Amino acid sequence: MTSGGQLNVFGVDLTYLYARAELGVQQLIWGDEAGLYGWLGDPVETRAVEEIEADAEALQIDEEDLLAVLVPADQCLISRFQLPAEAEVFLAEAVANHVYEKSPFTSDDVVWGYIVNDRIDCALQVSVAILSRSSASGIVSRISEAVRPRKAAIELWAKDGDMHVPIFDFSCDLRRAKYFKKLRSLVLSVLLGAAGTLLLLAVPTVWLTQTATQYDDLLVDTQRRVAPVVEMREQMMSLQDKKRVAAEYFAGTQHYAPWLHKLASLTPDSAHLNRLSLQARTLTISGMADNAADYQATLASAGVFAELRAPSAFTRDRRSNRERFTLSMTLQAEAFQ
């Protein structure tokens, strides 16, 4: 909210900050610091009143032309003063006070203009042009009469050395309009260039995004189709692991099937086995036979068993009239190689 000419927000005076921001914008657009106006603005080419009147017939003038008229030195007062750079936000007020102090004209009959012609040691060197309003109006009337019936935009300038000082009340809006037109064209070109650059940068991004999406869909579909294969592969790997564990477990054991088959083939029908035990490579059998000694001899002659012996004597069973036997032997792997 505003109060007493000040801008306050929650009790904080923002007038100075606003003035600084406004000054920054003005310097960017009109000042020499940024160089935009010097680059895009039309150069000031002033002509003396007498020169325009003498060459009025030869002047090529239309409504889009500017006539920058130089105020005669004897009708203009040039004054200079310094101002601290920190006070530049109040430059207009300082110039107005300076004009009222130095002007030989009444307050109703004075016009002026100013320009910052130099910045030295944190101070502004300001040139102020002061002249009578009636004199300025007379100059404009003389120029308008000289170029009649042609219409031209007339503006007044004063000169301080090599610097041109505009007279604000007699400055022309056409110069500003031309400058803003070029500035708008420049800004539009920059924006279009930036938009084109962003578009060029966005095209690969969009393409890569679409390609990545397609690849993701393809990956999902591939994973769905190979899921049974992956499951079967995992089952095969599990079976291979089990086979490996089983092979490691049975690596130290003997394959007894060939010996047992051989023992069965060597055992006659008249003998039968009651008990069989295996400890490492030692086989112990117990049973009954018609002649236990003949059975022992048959096993010994087969050449499959080594260290064949009878741990105990053969005894005859009275009920079956057969001999009971117990035989112990060592299995020979070489016999089956």
Protein backbone atom coordinates (compact mmCIF):
# COMPACT_ATOMS: atom_id res chain seq x y z
CA MET A 1 0.00 0.00 0.00
CA THR A 2 1.10 3.61 -0.46
CA SER A 3 1.06 6.39 2.08
CA GLY A 4 2.37 9.95 1.76
CA GLY A 5 4.07 9.29 -1.61
CA GLN A 6 5.85 6.22 -0.24
CA LEU A 7 5.49 2.56 -1.12
CA ASN A 8 5.14 0.51 2.05
CA VAL A 9 4.73 -3.25 2.37
CA PHE A 10 4.13 -4.49 5.91
CA GLY A 11 5.72 -1.30 7.23
CA VAL A 12 8.83 -1.57 5.01
CA ASP A 13 9.52 1.42 2.75
CA LEU A 14 10.19 0.11 -0.75
CA THR A 15 10.26 3.47 -2.52
CA TYR A 16 14.05 3.49 -2.93
CA LEU A 17 14.15 -0.12 -4.13
CA TYR A 18 11.41 0.60 -6.67
CA ALA A 19 13.29 3.68 -7.87
CA ARG A 20 16.49 1.64 -8.24
CA ALA A 21 14.66 -1.00 -10.26
CA GLU A 22 13.10 1.66 -12.49
CA LEU A 23 16.52 3.27 -12.98
CA GLY A 24 17.99 -0.08 -13.96
CA VAL A 25 15.34 -0.57 -16.63
CA GLN A 26 15.92 2.93 -17.98
CA GLN A 27 19.67 2.41 -18.12
CA LEU A 28 19.20 -0.91 -19.89
CA ILE A 29 16.95 0.60 -22.56
CA TRP A 30 18.29 4.16 -22.88
CA GLY A 31 21.67 4.27 -21.18
CA ASP A 32 25.11 3.91 -22.71
CA GLU A 33 26.03 1.15 -20.25
CA ALA A 34 24.10 -1.61 -22.05
CA GLY A 35 24.67 -0.10 -25.51
CA LEU A 36 21.23 -1.03 -26.85
CA TYR A 37 20.21 2.52 -27.65
CA GLY A 38 23.55 3.30 -29.25
CA TRP A 39 23.19 0.20 -31.42
CA LEU A 40 19.50 0.36 -32.38
CA GLY A 41 18.66 4.04 -32.01
CA ASP A 42 18.92 6.49 -34.90
CA PRO A 43 22.03 8.69 -34.64
CA VAL A 44 21.46 12.33 -33.76
CA GLU A 45 22.40 14.53 -36.70
CA THR A 46 21.49 18.09 -35.81
CA ARG A 47 21.15 21.00 -38.20
CA ALA A 48 21.22 24.71 -37.46
CA VAL A 49 18.09 26.73 -38.01
CA GLU A 50 19.73 28.87 -40.69
CA GLU A 51 20.98 25.79 -42.54
CA ILE A 52 17.49 24.26 -42.66
CA GLU A 53 15.94 27.52 -43.84
CA ALA A 54 18.57 27.90 -46.56
CA ASP A 55 18.21 24.34 -47.85
CA ALA A 56 14.49 23.89 -47.18
CA GLU A 57 13.64 23.36 -50.82
CA ALA A 58 16.29 20.67 -51.28
CA LEU A 59 15.39 18.72 -48.16
CA GLN A 60 13.77 15.34 -48.82
CA ILE A 61 11.25 15.17 -46.00
CA ASP A 62 8.26 12.94 -45.33
CA GLU A 63 6.24 12.02 -42.29
CA GLU A 64 8.78 9.38 -41.25
CA ASP A 65 11.69 11.82 -41.17
CA LEU A 66 13.12 13.52 -38.14
CA LEU A 67 14.47 17.01 -38.14
CA ALA A 68 16.93 17.36 -35.28
CA VAL A 69 17.28 21.13 -34.88
CA LEU A 70 20.23 22.58 -32.99
CA VAL A 71 19.23 25.40 -30.65
CA PRO A 72 21.44 28.47 -31.21
CA ALA A 73 24.05 28.84 -28.50
CA ASP A 74 23.00 32.43 -27.75
CA GLN A 75 19.48 31.27 -26.87
CA CYS A 76 20.50 28.34 -24.62
CA LEU A 77 22.19 28.24 -21.24
CA ILE A 78 24.43 25.22 -20.63
CA SER A 79 25.07 24.42 -16.98
CA ARG A 80 26.99 21.55 -15.41
CA PHE A 81 26.95 20.03 -11.96
CA GLN A 82 28.03 16.86 -10.16
CA LEU A 83 25.87 14.38 -8.28
CA PRO A 84 26.90 11.32 -6.24
CA ALA A 85 26.27 8.10 -8.12
CA GLU A 86 24.11 6.78 -5.25
CA ALA A 87 21.70 9.67 -5.83
CA GLU A 88 21.13 8.86 -9.50
CA VAL A 89 17.64 7.61 -8.68
CA PHE A 90 16.77 11.20 -7.79
CA LEU A 91 18.51 12.71 -10.82
CA ALA A 92 15.34 14.22 -12.32
CA GLU A 93 14.48 16.00 -9.08
CA ALA A 94 18.08 17.21 -8.69
CA VAL A 95 18.06 18.62 -12.27
CA ALA A 96 14.73 20.35 -11.66
CA ASN A 97 16.11 22.03 -8.52
CA HIS A 98 19.26 23.03 -10.43
CA VAL A 99 17.18 24.56 -13.23
CA TYR A 100 15.10 26.63 -10.83
CA GLU A 101 18.31 27.88 -9.22
CA LYS A 102 20.19 28.71 -12.44
CA SER A 103 17.40 29.62 -14.85
CA PRO A 104 17.07 33.28 -15.91
CA PHE A 105 13.55 32.56 -17.08
CA THR A 106 10.30 32.39 -15.17
CA SER A 107 8.99 29.00 -14.08
CA ASP A 108 6.18 29.21 -16.69
CA ASP A 109 8.57 30.07 -19.50
CA VAL A 110 11.42 27.60 -19.03
CA VAL A 111 12.17 24.26 -20.66
CA TRP A 112 15.24 22.15 -20.20
CA GLY A 113 16.93 18.86 -20.86
CA TYR A 114 19.90 17.04 -19.40
CA ILE A 115 22.31 14.20 -20.05
CA VAL A 116 24.87 12.33 -17.98
CA ASN A 117 28.02 12.98 -19.96
CA ASP A 118 30.51 11.22 -17.70
CA ARG A 119 30.93 9.08 -14.58
CA ILE A 120 34.08 9.83 -12.61
CA ASP A 121 35.05 8.64 -9.11
CA CYS A 122 31.54 7.51 -8.19
CA ALA A 123 30.11 10.86 -9.28
CA LEU A 124 27.87 11.84 -12.17
CA GLN A 125 28.85 14.71 -14.49
CA VAL A 126 25.51 16.18 -15.63
CA SER A 127 25.04 18.69 -18.46
CA VAL A 128 21.81 20.73 -18.34
CA ALA A 129 20.45 22.83 -21.22
CA ILE A 130 18.05 25.64 -20.24
CA LEU A 131 16.13 27.89 -22.61
CA SER A 132 12.96 29.91 -22.85
CA ARG A 133 9.81 28.10 -23.90
CA SER A 134 8.86 30.99 -26.15
CA SER A 135 12.24 30.81 -27.87
CA ALA A 136 11.91 27.06 -28.37
CA SER A 137 8.39 27.47 -29.77
CA GLY A 138 9.66 30.19 -32.10
CA ILE A 139 12.38 27.87 -33.45
CA VAL A 140 9.84 25.12 -34.12
CA SER A 141 7.56 27.61 -35.86
CA ARG A 142 10.39 28.84 -38.10
CA ILE A 143 11.31 25.29 -39.11
CA SER A 144 7.67 24.33 -39.74
CA GLU A 145 7.23 27.42 -41.92
CA ALA A 146 10.41 26.70 -43.84
CA VAL A 147 9.50 23.10 -44.76
CA ARG A 148 5.79 23.79 -45.39
CA PRO A 149 3.70 22.07 -46.71
CA ARG A 150 5.82 19.04 -45.96
CA LYS A 151 5.32 17.58 -42.51
CA ALA A 152 8.27 16.44 -40.47
CA ALA A 153 8.80 15.48 -36.86
CA ILE A 154 10.81 18.31 -35.27
CA GLU A 155 12.88 17.95 -32.14
CA LEU A 156 15.21 20.39 -30.40
CA TRP A 157 18.71 19.64 -29.18
CA ALA A 158 21.35 21.69 -27.45
CA LYS A 159 25.06 21.01 -27.70
CA ASP A 160 27.65 20.83 -24.93
CA GLY A 161 31.00 20.18 -26.57
CA ASP A 162 30.56 16.90 -28.47
CA MET A 163 27.47 15.89 -26.50
CA HIS A 164 23.89 16.47 -27.65
CA VAL A 165 21.41 17.38 -24.94
CA PRO A 166 17.71 16.77 -25.71
CA ILE A 167 15.12 19.41 -24.83
CA PHE A 168 12.49 17.20 -23.21
CA ASP A 169 9.36 19.26 -23.90
CA PHE A 170 10.36 19.47 -27.57
CA SER A 171 11.57 15.91 -28.09
CA CYS A 172 9.87 13.76 -30.69
CA ASP A 173 8.02 10.52 -30.02
CA LEU A 174 8.92 9.29 -33.51
CA ARG A 175 12.52 8.65 -32.49
CA ARG A 176 11.33 6.59 -29.52
CA ALA A 177 8.82 4.74 -31.70
CA LYS A 178 11.50 3.77 -34.22
CA TYR A 179 13.81 2.62 -31.45
CA PHE A 180 11.12 0.54 -29.75
CA LYS A 181 10.19 -1.00 -33.10
CA LYS A 182 13.77 -2.15 -33.63
CA LEU A 183 13.98 -3.28 -30.01
CA ARG A 184 10.81 -5.34 -30.37
CA SER A 185 12.17 -6.90 -33.56
CA LEU A 186 15.40 -7.77 -31.76
CA VAL A 187 13.59 -9.26 -28.77
CA LEU A 188 11.29 -11.22 -31.08
CA SER A 189 14.27 -12.54 -33.05
CA VAL A 190 16.01 -13.59 -29.83
CA LEU A 191 12.85 -15.29 -28.57
CA LEU A 192 12.31 -17.07 -31.88
CA GLY A 193 15.95 -18.15 -31.92
CA ALA A 194 15.68 -19.41 -28.35
CA ALA A 195 12.44 -21.21 -29.17
CA GLY A 196 14.04 -22.79 -32.25
CA THR A 197 17.06 -23.84 -30.22
CA LEU A 198 14.84 -25.35 -27.53
CA LEU A 199 12.86 -27.15 -30.23
CA LEU A 200 16.02 -28.56 -31.76
CA LEU A 201 17.17 -29.66 -28.33
CA ALA A 202 13.76 -31.11 -27.52
CA VAL A 203 13.46 -33.22 -30.69
CA PRO A 204 16.24 -35.67 -29.74
CA THR A 205 14.88 -35.81 -26.21
CA VAL A 206 11.38 -36.64 -27.42
CA TRP A 207 12.74 -39.20 -29.87
CA LEU A 208 14.88 -40.82 -27.20
CA THR A 209 11.91 -40.87 -24.81
CA GLN A 210 9.69 -42.55 -27.39
CA THR A 211 12.44 -45.02 -28.27
CA ALA A 212 13.02 -45.81 -24.60
CA THR A 213 9.28 -46.37 -24.14
CA GLN A 214 9.22 -48.75 -27.10
CA TYR A 215 12.22 -50.62 -25.75
CA ASP A 216 10.59 -50.86 -22.34
CA ASP A 217 7.43 -52.34 -23.92
CA LEU A 218 9.56 -54.75 -25.95
CA LEU A 219 11.49 -55.74 -22.82
CA VAL A 220 8.26 -56.43 -20.91
CA ASP A 221 6.90 -58.52 -23.80
CA THR A 222 10.17 -60.44 -24.14
CA GLN A 223 10.30 -61.15 -20.42
CA ARG A 224 6.71 -62.40 -20.54
CA ARG A 225 7.46 -64.75 -23.47
CA VAL A 226 10.73 -66.13 -22.05
CA ALA A 227 9.37 -66.57 -18.52
CA PRO A 228 8.72 -70.37 -19.05
CA VAL A 229 12.21 -70.79 -20.50
CA VAL A 230 13.75 -68.94 -17.57
CA GLU A 231 11.75 -71.09 -15.15
CA MET A 232 12.88 -74.28 -16.88
CA ARG A 233 16.47 -73.06 -16.87
CA GLU A 234 16.26 -72.38 -13.14
CA GLN A 235 14.87 -75.89 -12.59
CA MET A 236 17.72 -77.40 -14.65
CA MET A 237 20.27 -75.40 -12.68
CA SER A 238 18.64 -76.63 -9.45
CA LEU A 239 18.84 -80.25 -10.69
CA GLN A 240 22.47 -79.73 -11.68
CA ASP A 241 23.22 -78.43 -8.21
CA LYS A 242 21.51 -81.45 -6.66
CA LYS A 243 23.42 -83.77 -8.98
CA ARG A 244 26.68 -82.09 -8.06
CA VAL A 245 25.91 -82.41 -4.33
CA ALA A 246 24.94 -86.05 -4.76
CA ALA A 247 28.10 -86.74 -6.77
CA GLU A 248 30.22 -85.14 -4.06
CA TYR A 249 28.35 -87.13 -1.40
CA PHE A 250 28.76 -90.50 -3.14
CA ALA A 251 32.26 -89.81 -4.43
CA GLY A 252 33.85 -91.82 -1.63
CA THR A 253 31.41 -94.74 -1.78
CA GLN A 254 31.79 -98.00 -3.71
CA HIS A 255 29.51 -99.24 -6.44
CA TYR A 256 28.50 -102.61 -5.00
CA ALA A 257 25.99 -103.74 -7.61
CA PRO A 258 28.50 -105.64 -9.80
CA TRP A 259 29.88 -107.54 -6.78
CA LEU A 260 26.44 -108.43 -5.50
CA HIS A 261 25.38 -109.65 -8.93
CA LYS A 262 28.57 -111.71 -9.16
CA LEU A 263 28.01 -113.13 -5.68
CA ALA A 264 24.44 -114.09 -6.59
CA SER A 265 25.57 -115.81 -9.79
CA LEU A 266 28.21 -117.82 -7.91
CA THR A 267 25.81 -118.93 -5.17
CA PRO A 268 24.23 -122.34 -6.03
CA ASP A 269 20.58 -123.08 -5.52
CA SER A 270 21.49 -125.47 -2.69
CA ALA A 271 22.83 -122.52 -0.65
CA HIS A 272 20.94 -119.61 0.70
CA LEU A 273 22.08 -116.50 2.53
CA ASN A 274 20.61 -115.34 5.82
CA ARG A 275 22.70 -112.22 6.37
CA LEU A 276 24.88 -109.89 4.29
CA SER A 277 26.83 -106.83 5.49
CA LEU A 278 29.20 -104.38 3.80
CA GLN A 279 31.80 -102.28 5.57
CA ALA A 280 33.95 -100.29 3.17
CA ARG A 281 35.16 -103.05 0.79
CA THR A 282 34.72 -105.95 3.19
CA LEU A 283 31.74 -108.23 2.50
CA THR A 284 30.51 -110.63 5.16
CA ILE A 285 27.84 -113.25 4.37
CA SER A 286 26.12 -115.86 6.55
CA GLY A 287 23.82 -118.68 5.50
CA MET A 288 23.45 -122.48 5.03
CA ALA A 289 24.66 -124.80 2.31
CA ASP A 290 24.79 -128.52 1.65
CA ASN A 291 28.58 -128.27 1.64
CA ALA A 292 29.96 -124.97 2.94
CA ALA A 293 33.53 -125.87 2.01
CA ASP A 294 32.56 -126.41 -1.64
CA TYR A 295 30.77 -123.04 -1.66
CA GLN A 296 33.87 -121.33 -0.22
CA ALA A 297 36.01 -123.00 -2.88
CA THR A 298 33.65 -121.78 -5.61
CA LEU A 299 33.94 -118.19 -4.39
CA ALA A 300 37.70 -118.40 -4.09
CA SER A 301 38.12 -119.75 -7.63
CA ALA A 302 36.04 -116.91 -9.13
CA GLY A 303 38.96 -114.45 -8.71
CA VAL A 304 36.67 -111.61 -7.69
CA PHE A 305 37.15 -111.69 -3.94
CA ALA A 306 40.43 -111.51 -2.04
CA GLU A 307 41.26 -112.59 1.50
CA LEU A 308 38.37 -115.04 1.54
CA ARG A 309 38.20 -116.61 5.00
CA ALA A 310 35.82 -118.20 7.50
CA PRO A 311 35.81 -116.33 10.80
CA SER A 312 34.21 -119.36 12.52
CA ALA A 313 34.00 -123.09 11.92
CA PHE A 314 31.23 -124.61 9.84
CA THR A 315 28.50 -126.32 11.88
CA ARG A 316 25.79 -128.71 10.72
CA ASP A 317 22.23 -127.95 11.49
CA ARG A 318 20.46 -131.14 12.61
CA ARG A 319 17.00 -130.10 11.57
CA SER A 320 17.88 -129.16 7.96
CA ASN A 321 20.96 -131.37 7.74
CA ARG A 322 22.88 -128.42 6.27
CA GLU A 323 26.07 -126.66 7.27
CA ARG A 324 25.97 -123.20 8.71
CA PHE A 325 28.75 -120.89 7.47
CA THR A 326 30.07 -117.35 7.82
CA LEU A 327 32.45 -116.05 5.17
CA SER A 328 34.35 -112.74 4.99
CA MET A 329 36.02 -111.43 1.84
CA THR A 330 37.51 -108.27 0.34
CA LEU A 331 36.06 -106.89 -2.88
CA GLN A 332 38.51 -106.42 -5.77
CA ALA A 333 37.66 -103.48 -8.07
CA GLU A 334 40.36 -104.61 -10.50
CA ALA A 335 38.26 -107.65 -11.39
CA PHE A 336 35.65 -105.43 -13.03
CA GLN A 337 37.99 -103.06 -14.92
